N, C-alpha and C. Protein backbone atom coordinates (compact mmCIF):
# COMPACT_ATOMS: atom_id res chain seq x y z
N MET A 1 0.84 -1.19 0.00
CA MET A 1 0.00 0.00 0.00
C MET A 1 0.88 1.25 0.00
N ARG A 2 1.95 1.20 0.80
CA ARG A 2 2.84 2.35 0.88
C ARG A 2 3.49 2.61 -0.48
N GLN A 3 3.80 1.53 -1.22
CA GLN A 3 4.44 1.68 -2.53
C GLN A 3 3.51 2.41 -3.50
N LEU A 4 2.22 2.16 -3.38
CA LEU A 4 1.24 2.82 -4.25
C LEU A 4 1.23 4.31 -4.01
N TRP A 5 1.31 4.73 -2.72
CA TRP A 5 1.33 6.16 -2.40
C TRP A 5 2.62 6.80 -2.92
N VAL A 6 3.70 6.11 -2.80
CA VAL A 6 4.97 6.64 -3.28
C VAL A 6 4.92 6.82 -4.80
N LEU A 7 4.36 5.84 -5.47
CA LEU A 7 4.23 5.92 -6.92
C LEU A 7 3.34 7.09 -7.33
N ALA A 8 2.23 7.29 -6.63
CA ALA A 8 1.32 8.40 -6.93
C ALA A 8 2.02 9.73 -6.71
N LEU A 9 2.78 9.86 -5.61
CA LEU A 9 3.49 11.11 -5.35
C LEU A 9 4.57 11.37 -6.40
N LEU A 10 5.25 10.32 -6.84
CA LEU A 10 6.25 10.49 -7.90
C LEU A 10 5.61 10.95 -9.20
N MET A 11 4.45 10.38 -9.51
CA MET A 11 3.77 10.78 -10.75
C MET A 11 3.31 12.23 -10.67
N LEU A 12 2.80 12.65 -9.53
CA LEU A 12 2.37 14.04 -9.38
C LEU A 12 3.56 14.99 -9.43
N GLY A 13 4.68 14.56 -8.88
CA GLY A 13 5.87 15.39 -8.89
C GLY A 13 6.44 15.55 -10.29
N ALA A 14 6.15 14.63 -11.16
CA ALA A 14 6.67 14.71 -12.53
C ALA A 14 5.91 15.72 -13.37
N CYS A 15 4.73 16.11 -12.92
CA CYS A 15 3.93 17.09 -13.67
C CYS A 15 4.53 18.48 -13.50
N ASP A 16 4.54 19.25 -14.54
CA ASP A 16 5.04 20.61 -14.48
C ASP A 16 3.86 21.53 -14.20
N PRO A 17 3.80 22.16 -13.01
CA PRO A 17 2.64 23.00 -12.67
C PRO A 17 2.53 24.25 -13.53
N SER A 18 3.61 24.64 -14.22
CA SER A 18 3.53 25.83 -15.05
C SER A 18 2.80 25.57 -16.37
N GLN A 19 2.68 24.30 -16.73
CA GLN A 19 1.99 23.93 -17.96
C GLN A 19 0.54 23.57 -17.63
N PRO A 20 -0.42 24.27 -18.24
CA PRO A 20 -1.82 23.95 -17.95
C PRO A 20 -2.20 22.60 -18.56
N ILE A 21 -3.08 21.92 -17.91
CA ILE A 21 -3.60 20.66 -18.43
C ILE A 21 -4.83 20.99 -19.26
N VAL A 22 -4.80 20.63 -20.51
CA VAL A 22 -5.90 20.93 -21.43
C VAL A 22 -6.63 19.64 -21.74
N MET A 23 -7.90 19.64 -21.48
CA MET A 23 -8.72 18.47 -21.79
C MET A 23 -9.57 18.82 -23.00
N THR A 24 -9.51 17.98 -24.00
CA THR A 24 -10.32 18.20 -25.20
C THR A 24 -11.24 17.01 -25.40
N SER A 25 -12.31 17.28 -26.11
CA SER A 25 -13.23 16.19 -26.42
C SER A 25 -12.65 15.37 -27.57
N PRO A 26 -12.99 14.11 -27.66
CA PRO A 26 -12.47 13.29 -28.75
C PRO A 26 -12.99 13.80 -30.10
N PRO A 27 -12.23 13.58 -31.17
CA PRO A 27 -12.68 14.07 -32.48
C PRO A 27 -13.97 13.38 -32.91
N ARG A 28 -14.79 14.13 -33.58
CA ARG A 28 -16.06 13.59 -34.07
C ARG A 28 -15.79 12.86 -35.38
N ILE A 29 -16.21 11.65 -35.45
CA ILE A 29 -15.98 10.84 -36.65
C ILE A 29 -17.31 10.65 -37.35
N GLU A 30 -17.34 11.06 -38.59
CA GLU A 30 -18.56 10.87 -39.38
C GLU A 30 -18.29 9.84 -40.46
N LYS A 31 -19.14 8.86 -40.55
CA LYS A 31 -19.00 7.84 -41.57
C LYS A 31 -20.20 7.92 -42.49
N THR A 32 -19.92 7.92 -43.76
CA THR A 32 -20.98 7.88 -44.75
C THR A 32 -21.07 6.46 -45.26
N LEU A 33 -22.23 5.90 -45.20
CA LEU A 33 -22.39 4.52 -45.66
C LEU A 33 -22.25 4.46 -47.17
N LEU A 34 -21.46 3.49 -47.63
CA LEU A 34 -21.20 3.37 -49.06
C LEU A 34 -22.47 3.07 -49.84
N ASN A 35 -23.42 2.37 -49.21
CA ASN A 35 -24.63 2.04 -49.97
C ASN A 35 -25.48 3.28 -50.25
N LYS A 36 -25.21 4.39 -49.58
CA LYS A 36 -25.91 5.64 -49.88
C LYS A 36 -25.18 6.43 -50.96
N ILE A 37 -23.91 6.11 -51.18
CA ILE A 37 -23.09 6.85 -52.14
C ILE A 37 -23.00 6.13 -53.48
N ILE A 38 -22.84 4.82 -53.44
CA ILE A 38 -22.60 4.04 -54.66
C ILE A 38 -23.92 3.48 -55.17
N PRO A 39 -24.29 3.79 -56.40
CA PRO A 39 -25.53 3.27 -56.96
C PRO A 39 -25.49 1.74 -57.03
N THR A 40 -26.62 1.11 -56.76
CA THR A 40 -26.67 -0.35 -56.75
C THR A 40 -26.40 -0.94 -58.13
N GLY A 41 -26.64 -0.19 -59.19
CA GLY A 41 -26.42 -0.70 -60.54
C GLY A 41 -24.97 -1.01 -60.85
N VAL A 42 -24.04 -0.38 -60.14
CA VAL A 42 -22.63 -0.64 -60.41
C VAL A 42 -22.04 -1.68 -59.46
N LEU A 43 -22.87 -2.27 -58.63
CA LEU A 43 -22.38 -3.25 -57.67
C LEU A 43 -22.49 -4.68 -58.16
N SER A 44 -22.94 -4.86 -59.39
CA SER A 44 -22.97 -6.21 -59.96
C SER A 44 -22.56 -6.14 -61.42
N CYS A 45 -21.88 -7.17 -61.85
CA CYS A 45 -21.37 -7.22 -63.22
C CYS A 45 -22.21 -8.18 -64.06
N LEU A 46 -22.02 -8.09 -65.38
CA LEU A 46 -22.65 -9.08 -66.25
C LEU A 46 -22.14 -10.46 -65.88
N ARG A 47 -22.98 -11.45 -66.01
CA ARG A 47 -22.56 -12.81 -65.68
C ARG A 47 -21.57 -13.33 -66.72
N GLU A 48 -20.62 -14.06 -66.24
CA GLU A 48 -19.67 -14.70 -67.14
C GLU A 48 -20.39 -15.82 -67.87
N PRO A 49 -20.26 -15.88 -69.19
CA PRO A 49 -20.97 -16.92 -69.94
C PRO A 49 -20.44 -18.31 -69.62
N ASP A 50 -21.33 -19.27 -69.74
CA ASP A 50 -20.96 -20.67 -69.48
C ASP A 50 -20.38 -21.25 -70.77
N GLY A 51 -19.15 -21.69 -70.72
CA GLY A 51 -18.49 -22.22 -71.91
C GLY A 51 -18.54 -23.73 -72.01
N SER A 52 -19.28 -24.36 -71.12
CA SER A 52 -19.27 -25.82 -71.12
C SER A 52 -20.02 -26.42 -72.32
N ALA A 53 -20.93 -25.66 -72.93
CA ALA A 53 -21.71 -26.20 -74.05
C ALA A 53 -21.11 -25.84 -75.41
N VAL A 54 -19.94 -25.26 -75.44
CA VAL A 54 -19.31 -24.85 -76.70
C VAL A 54 -18.84 -26.10 -77.45
N THR A 55 -19.34 -26.23 -78.68
CA THR A 55 -18.97 -27.41 -79.49
C THR A 55 -18.44 -27.04 -80.86
N SER A 56 -18.58 -25.77 -81.25
CA SER A 56 -18.12 -25.39 -82.59
C SER A 56 -17.26 -24.14 -82.50
N ILE A 57 -16.60 -23.83 -83.60
CA ILE A 57 -15.77 -22.63 -83.66
C ILE A 57 -16.64 -21.39 -83.54
N ARG A 58 -17.80 -21.41 -84.15
CA ARG A 58 -18.72 -20.27 -84.08
C ARG A 58 -19.15 -20.03 -82.63
N GLN A 59 -19.49 -21.10 -81.90
CA GLN A 59 -19.87 -20.95 -80.51
C GLN A 59 -18.69 -20.48 -79.66
N SER A 60 -17.49 -20.93 -80.03
CA SER A 60 -16.30 -20.48 -79.31
C SER A 60 -16.10 -18.98 -79.48
N ALA A 61 -16.29 -18.50 -80.70
CA ALA A 61 -16.14 -17.07 -80.96
C ALA A 61 -17.17 -16.26 -80.19
N THR A 62 -18.41 -16.73 -80.19
CA THR A 62 -19.47 -16.04 -79.44
C THR A 62 -19.16 -16.04 -77.95
N TYR A 63 -18.66 -17.18 -77.46
CA TYR A 63 -18.30 -17.29 -76.05
C TYR A 63 -17.22 -16.29 -75.68
N VAL A 64 -16.18 -16.19 -76.51
CA VAL A 64 -15.08 -15.27 -76.23
C VAL A 64 -15.56 -13.83 -76.25
N ILE A 65 -16.43 -13.49 -77.22
CA ILE A 65 -16.96 -12.13 -77.30
C ILE A 65 -17.79 -11.81 -76.05
N ASP A 66 -18.65 -12.74 -75.63
CA ASP A 66 -19.48 -12.52 -74.44
C ASP A 66 -18.62 -12.44 -73.18
N LEU A 67 -17.57 -13.23 -73.14
CA LEU A 67 -16.66 -13.21 -72.00
C LEU A 67 -15.96 -11.86 -71.90
N LYS A 68 -15.52 -11.34 -73.04
CA LYS A 68 -14.87 -10.02 -73.06
C LYS A 68 -15.84 -8.92 -72.66
N LYS A 69 -17.11 -9.02 -73.10
CA LYS A 69 -18.13 -8.03 -72.71
C LYS A 69 -18.33 -8.02 -71.21
N ALA A 70 -18.41 -9.21 -70.60
CA ALA A 70 -18.59 -9.31 -69.16
C ALA A 70 -17.40 -8.71 -68.41
N GLY A 71 -16.21 -8.98 -68.87
CA GLY A 71 -15.02 -8.43 -68.24
C GLY A 71 -14.95 -6.92 -68.36
N ARG A 72 -15.27 -6.41 -69.54
CA ARG A 72 -15.26 -4.96 -69.77
C ARG A 72 -16.30 -4.27 -68.88
N ASP A 73 -17.49 -4.88 -68.79
CA ASP A 73 -18.55 -4.33 -67.95
C ASP A 73 -18.11 -4.25 -66.50
N CYS A 74 -17.48 -5.30 -66.03
CA CYS A 74 -17.04 -5.33 -64.63
C CYS A 74 -15.93 -4.30 -64.38
N ARG A 75 -14.99 -4.18 -65.28
CA ARG A 75 -13.91 -3.20 -65.12
C ARG A 75 -14.45 -1.78 -65.13
N GLN A 76 -15.41 -1.49 -66.00
CA GLN A 76 -15.99 -0.15 -66.06
C GLN A 76 -16.72 0.18 -64.76
N LYS A 77 -17.48 -0.78 -64.25
CA LYS A 77 -18.21 -0.54 -63.00
C LYS A 77 -17.27 -0.39 -61.82
N LEU A 78 -16.20 -1.16 -61.80
CA LEU A 78 -15.22 -1.04 -60.74
C LEU A 78 -14.54 0.33 -60.79
N GLN A 79 -14.29 0.84 -61.97
CA GLN A 79 -13.70 2.17 -62.11
C GLN A 79 -14.65 3.24 -61.58
N ILE A 80 -15.94 3.08 -61.82
CA ILE A 80 -16.93 4.03 -61.29
C ILE A 80 -16.87 4.03 -59.76
N VAL A 81 -16.83 2.85 -59.17
CA VAL A 81 -16.76 2.74 -57.71
C VAL A 81 -15.46 3.37 -57.19
N ARG A 82 -14.34 3.11 -57.87
CA ARG A 82 -13.06 3.72 -57.48
C ARG A 82 -13.15 5.24 -57.49
N ASN A 83 -13.73 5.79 -58.55
CA ASN A 83 -13.85 7.24 -58.68
C ASN A 83 -14.70 7.82 -57.55
N ILE A 84 -15.79 7.15 -57.22
CA ILE A 84 -16.65 7.64 -56.14
C ILE A 84 -15.91 7.62 -54.81
N ILE A 85 -15.20 6.55 -54.53
CA ILE A 85 -14.47 6.44 -53.25
C ILE A 85 -13.36 7.49 -53.18
N GLN A 86 -12.63 7.70 -54.26
CA GLN A 86 -11.57 8.69 -54.26
C GLN A 86 -12.14 10.10 -54.10
N ARG A 87 -13.28 10.35 -54.67
CA ARG A 87 -13.92 11.66 -54.54
C ARG A 87 -14.37 11.90 -53.11
N GLU A 88 -14.79 10.86 -52.40
CA GLU A 88 -15.27 10.98 -51.04
C GLU A 88 -14.14 11.15 -50.03
N GLN A 89 -12.92 10.78 -50.40
CA GLN A 89 -11.82 10.86 -49.43
C GLN A 89 -11.29 12.22 -49.34
């Protein structure tokens, strides 16, 4: 018990009485929910086509074209989301 009092007195003695103690309130943190900022239309991409039924060269070409469309759609929407987030920061 005596050690606790000694420790408390040492801590008080370390304070400089010429320096005022300033107490401030914690910073106010405001969060904006992303679902209010980002339109729901850009949160989903075109579905990737199923290539399991491809049996001809023509179907292969159509599959590749549809696959590229889905990828392009997703990259464009991701860029929109990136732009919105960067603008909000």
